[in-house]
Amino acid sequence: MRFMVEGRGSGPPTDEMLALIPAEQARGQEFDAQGLRVALYVAADFSVTWQVFTADTQADVQRALESLPMYRFGSFTITPLADS
């Protein structure tokens, strides 16, 4: 099943957040290599991200998101997508 994940930061970036960017990118690349994440889009102003995940359940997507180093600095909305 596919899921759209909208992510938004909780405020302006801090030094702590900026230091986590390389680890965040590496974790995203692991998702890509596993076939878990199939697309990533970033708003031009970097305020929002949209990611498409393929997983068995929404709980699987939630667990993946929680493994992101910057997870605690944002909020995510997971929406199941219709089969096309």
N, C-alpha and C. Protein backbone atom coordinates (compact mmCIF):
# COMPACT_ATOMS: atom_id res chain seq x y z
N MET A 1 0.84 -1.17 0.00
CA MET A 1 0.00 0.00 0.00
C MET A 1 0.89 1.24 0.00
N ARG A 2 0.40 2.30 -0.62
CA ARG A 2 1.16 3.55 -0.66
C ARG A 2 0.56 4.57 0.30
N PHE A 3 1.45 5.41 0.84
CA PHE A 3 1.06 6.45 1.79
C PHE A 3 1.76 7.75 1.43
N MET A 4 1.01 8.85 1.49
CA MET A 4 1.59 10.19 1.33
C MET A 4 1.87 10.71 2.72
N VAL A 5 3.08 11.21 2.93
CA VAL A 5 3.47 11.77 4.22
C VAL A 5 3.82 13.24 4.02
N GLU A 6 3.06 14.10 4.68
CA GLU A 6 3.37 15.53 4.66
C GLU A 6 4.09 15.87 5.95
N GLY A 7 5.24 16.49 5.84
CA GLY A 7 6.02 16.86 7.01
C GLY A 7 6.23 18.36 7.09
N ARG A 8 6.12 18.90 8.29
CA ARG A 8 6.32 20.33 8.52
C ARG A 8 7.22 20.50 9.75
N GLY A 9 8.15 21.43 9.65
CA GLY A 9 9.01 21.74 10.78
C GLY A 9 8.24 22.47 11.86
N SER A 10 8.77 22.42 13.07
CA SER A 10 8.10 23.05 14.21
C SER A 10 8.54 24.48 14.45
N GLY A 11 9.42 24.98 13.61
CA GLY A 11 9.89 26.35 13.78
C GLY A 11 11.16 26.57 13.00
N PRO A 12 11.77 27.74 13.19
CA PRO A 12 13.02 27.99 12.46
C PRO A 12 14.11 27.01 12.88
N PRO A 13 15.01 26.67 11.96
CA PRO A 13 16.06 25.70 12.30
C PRO A 13 17.00 26.23 13.38
N THR A 14 17.36 25.33 14.27
CA THR A 14 18.33 25.63 15.32
C THR A 14 19.67 24.98 14.95
N ASP A 15 20.71 25.31 15.67
CA ASP A 15 22.01 24.68 15.43
C ASP A 15 21.92 23.17 15.61
N GLU A 16 21.15 22.73 16.60
CA GLU A 16 20.98 21.29 16.84
C GLU A 16 20.34 20.61 15.63
N MET A 17 19.32 21.25 15.07
CA MET A 17 18.66 20.68 13.90
C MET A 17 19.60 20.64 12.70
N LEU A 18 20.31 21.71 12.46
CA LEU A 18 21.22 21.77 11.32
C LEU A 18 22.30 20.69 11.42
N ALA A 19 22.75 20.41 12.63
CA ALA A 19 23.78 19.38 12.82
C ALA A 19 23.26 17.98 12.48
N LEU A 20 21.94 17.79 12.53
CA LEU A 20 21.34 16.49 12.25
C LEU A 20 21.04 16.24 10.77
N ILE A 21 21.19 17.26 9.93
CA ILE A 21 20.82 17.12 8.52
C ILE A 21 21.56 15.97 7.83
N PRO A 22 22.88 15.81 7.98
CA PRO A 22 23.54 14.67 7.30
C PRO A 22 22.97 13.31 7.73
N ALA A 23 22.69 13.14 9.00
CA ALA A 23 22.13 11.86 9.48
C ALA A 23 20.70 11.68 8.94
N GLU A 24 19.96 12.76 8.85
CA GLU A 24 18.59 12.70 8.31
C GLU A 24 18.63 12.27 6.84
N GLN A 25 19.53 12.85 6.09
CA GLN A 25 19.66 12.50 4.68
C GLN A 25 20.09 11.04 4.52
N ALA A 26 21.01 10.59 5.36
CA ALA A 26 21.47 9.20 5.29
C ALA A 26 20.33 8.23 5.59
N ARG A 27 19.51 8.57 6.58
CA ARG A 27 18.38 7.69 6.91
C ARG A 27 17.38 7.66 5.76
N GLY A 28 17.14 8.79 5.14
CA GLY A 28 16.26 8.83 3.97
C GLY A 28 16.79 7.98 2.83
N GLN A 29 18.09 8.00 2.62
CA GLN A 29 18.69 7.16 1.58
C GLN A 29 18.53 5.68 1.90
N GLU A 30 18.55 5.34 3.19
CA GLU A 30 18.29 3.95 3.58
C GLU A 30 16.85 3.57 3.23
N PHE A 31 15.90 4.46 3.48
CA PHE A 31 14.50 4.21 3.10
C PHE A 31 14.42 3.94 1.60
N ASP A 32 15.11 4.79 0.82
CA ASP A 32 15.08 4.66 -0.64
C ASP A 32 15.66 3.30 -1.08
N ALA A 33 16.79 2.93 -0.51
CA ALA A 33 17.45 1.67 -0.87
C ALA A 33 16.59 0.46 -0.51
N GLN A 34 15.81 0.58 0.55
CA GLN A 34 14.93 -0.51 0.99
C GLN A 34 13.64 -0.56 0.18
N GLY A 35 13.39 0.47 -0.63
CA GLY A 35 12.14 0.54 -1.38
C GLY A 35 10.98 1.03 -0.53
N LEU A 36 11.28 1.48 0.67
CA LEU A 36 10.25 1.98 1.58
C LEU A 36 9.75 3.35 1.12
N ARG A 37 10.68 4.24 0.77
CA ARG A 37 10.29 5.56 0.26
C ARG A 37 10.51 5.55 -1.24
N VAL A 38 9.46 5.93 -1.97
CA VAL A 38 9.56 5.90 -3.43
C VAL A 38 9.59 7.30 -4.04
N ALA A 39 9.34 8.33 -3.26
CA ALA A 39 9.42 9.70 -3.78
C ALA A 39 9.59 10.67 -2.63
N LEU A 40 10.28 11.77 -2.92
CA LEU A 40 10.48 12.86 -1.96
C LEU A 40 10.37 14.17 -2.71
N TYR A 41 9.53 15.07 -2.20
CA TYR A 41 9.37 16.40 -2.78
C TYR A 41 9.52 17.42 -1.66
N VAL A 42 10.19 18.52 -1.96
CA VAL A 42 10.42 19.57 -0.97
C VAL A 42 9.90 20.89 -1.54
N ALA A 43 9.12 21.63 -0.74
CA ALA A 43 8.63 22.93 -1.17
C ALA A 43 9.80 23.87 -1.44
N ALA A 44 9.62 24.78 -2.37
CA ALA A 44 10.69 25.71 -2.75
C ALA A 44 11.23 26.49 -1.56
N ASP A 45 10.37 26.78 -0.58
CA ASP A 45 10.83 27.53 0.60
C ASP A 45 11.24 26.60 1.74
N PHE A 46 11.32 25.29 1.48
CA PHE A 46 11.74 24.27 2.46
C PHE A 46 10.80 24.15 3.66
N SER A 47 9.60 24.68 3.57
CA SER A 47 8.68 24.66 4.71
C SER A 47 7.91 23.34 4.85
N VAL A 48 7.80 22.60 3.76
CA VAL A 48 7.01 21.37 3.75
C VAL A 48 7.73 20.32 2.91
N THR A 49 7.62 19.07 3.35
CA THR A 49 8.08 17.95 2.52
C THR A 49 6.90 17.02 2.28
N TRP A 50 6.93 16.37 1.13
CA TRP A 50 5.96 15.34 0.80
C TRP A 50 6.76 14.12 0.41
N GLN A 51 6.42 13.00 1.02
CA GLN A 51 7.11 11.75 0.72
C GLN A 51 6.07 10.68 0.43
N VAL A 52 6.38 9.80 -0.49
CA VAL A 52 5.50 8.67 -0.77
C VAL A 52 6.22 7.42 -0.28
N PHE A 53 5.55 6.69 0.60
CA PHE A 53 6.08 5.45 1.16
C PHE A 53 5.25 4.28 0.66
N THR A 54 5.90 3.13 0.53
CA THR A 54 5.21 1.87 0.25
C THR A 54 5.45 0.98 1.45
N ALA A 55 4.37 0.56 2.11
CA ALA A 55 4.48 -0.26 3.31
C ALA A 55 3.21 -1.09 3.46
N ASP A 56 3.28 -2.10 4.33
CA ASP A 56 2.10 -2.93 4.57
C ASP A 56 1.03 -2.18 5.36
N THR A 57 1.47 -1.37 6.33
CA THR A 57 0.50 -0.68 7.19
C THR A 57 0.96 0.75 7.47
N GLN A 58 0.01 1.55 7.90
CA GLN A 58 0.33 2.92 8.31
C GLN A 58 1.26 2.90 9.52
N ALA A 59 1.11 1.92 10.38
CA ALA A 59 1.99 1.81 11.55
C ALA A 59 3.44 1.59 11.13
N ASP A 60 3.66 0.86 10.03
CA ASP A 60 5.02 0.66 9.52
C ASP A 60 5.63 1.99 9.09
N VAL A 61 4.83 2.84 8.44
CA VAL A 61 5.30 4.16 8.02
C VAL A 61 5.62 5.01 9.25
N GLN A 62 4.73 4.96 10.24
CA GLN A 62 4.94 5.73 11.47
C GLN A 62 6.24 5.33 12.15
N ARG A 63 6.51 4.04 12.23
CA ARG A 63 7.76 3.57 12.84
C ARG A 63 8.98 4.07 12.06
N ALA A 64 8.88 4.05 10.74
CA ALA A 64 9.98 4.56 9.92
C ALA A 64 10.22 6.03 10.20
N LEU A 65 9.16 6.81 10.24
CA LEU A 65 9.30 8.25 10.51
C LEU A 65 9.94 8.49 11.88
N GLU A 66 9.54 7.72 12.86
CA GLU A 66 10.08 7.88 14.21
C GLU A 66 11.57 7.56 14.27
N SER A 67 12.09 6.85 13.27
CA SER A 67 13.51 6.53 13.25
C SER A 67 14.35 7.65 12.65
N LEU A 68 13.71 8.69 12.12
CA LEU A 68 14.45 9.82 11.56
C LEU A 68 15.08 10.65 12.67
N PRO A 69 16.32 11.05 12.52
CA PRO A 69 16.99 11.85 13.56
C PRO A 69 16.27 13.16 13.90
N MET A 70 15.60 13.75 12.91
CA MET A 70 14.95 15.04 13.14
C MET A 70 13.45 14.91 13.42
N TYR A 71 12.99 13.68 13.64
CA TYR A 71 11.55 13.44 13.83
C TYR A 71 10.94 14.35 14.90
N ARG A 72 11.63 14.52 16.00
CA ARG A 72 11.07 15.28 17.13
C ARG A 72 10.91 16.77 16.84
N PHE A 73 11.48 17.24 15.74
CA PHE A 73 11.42 18.66 15.41
C PHE A 73 10.31 19.00 14.40
N GLY A 74 9.45 18.05 14.12
CA GLY A 74 8.42 18.32 13.12
C GLY A 74 7.13 17.59 13.43
N SER A 75 6.19 17.74 12.50
CA SER A 75 4.92 17.01 12.59
C SER A 75 4.66 16.38 11.24
N PHE A 76 4.01 15.24 11.26
CA PHE A 76 3.78 14.49 10.04
C PHE A 76 2.32 14.07 9.96
N THR A 77 1.78 14.13 8.75
CA THR A 77 0.45 13.63 8.46
C THR A 77 0.60 12.50 7.46
N ILE A 78 0.09 11.33 7.82
CA ILE A 78 0.17 10.15 6.95
C ILE A 78 -1.20 9.92 6.35
N THR A 79 -1.27 9.85 5.02
CA THR A 79 -2.55 9.65 4.34
C THR A 79 -2.42 8.44 3.42
N PRO A 80 -3.27 7.41 3.61
CA PRO A 80 -3.26 6.28 2.69
C PRO A 80 -3.71 6.75 1.30
N LEU A 81 -3.07 6.24 0.26
CA LEU A 81 -3.41 6.60 -1.10
C LEU A 81 -4.23 5.48 -1.75
N ALA A 82 -5.14 5.88 -2.63
CA ALA A 82 -5.95 4.91 -3.36
C ALA A 82 -5.06 4.20 -4.38
N ASP A 83 -5.39 2.95 -4.65
CA ASP A 83 -4.69 2.22 -5.70
C ASP A 83 -5.03 2.86 -7.04
N SER A 84 -4.04 2.94 -7.92
CA SER A 84 -4.33 3.53 -9.23
C SER A 84 -4.17 2.52 -10.33
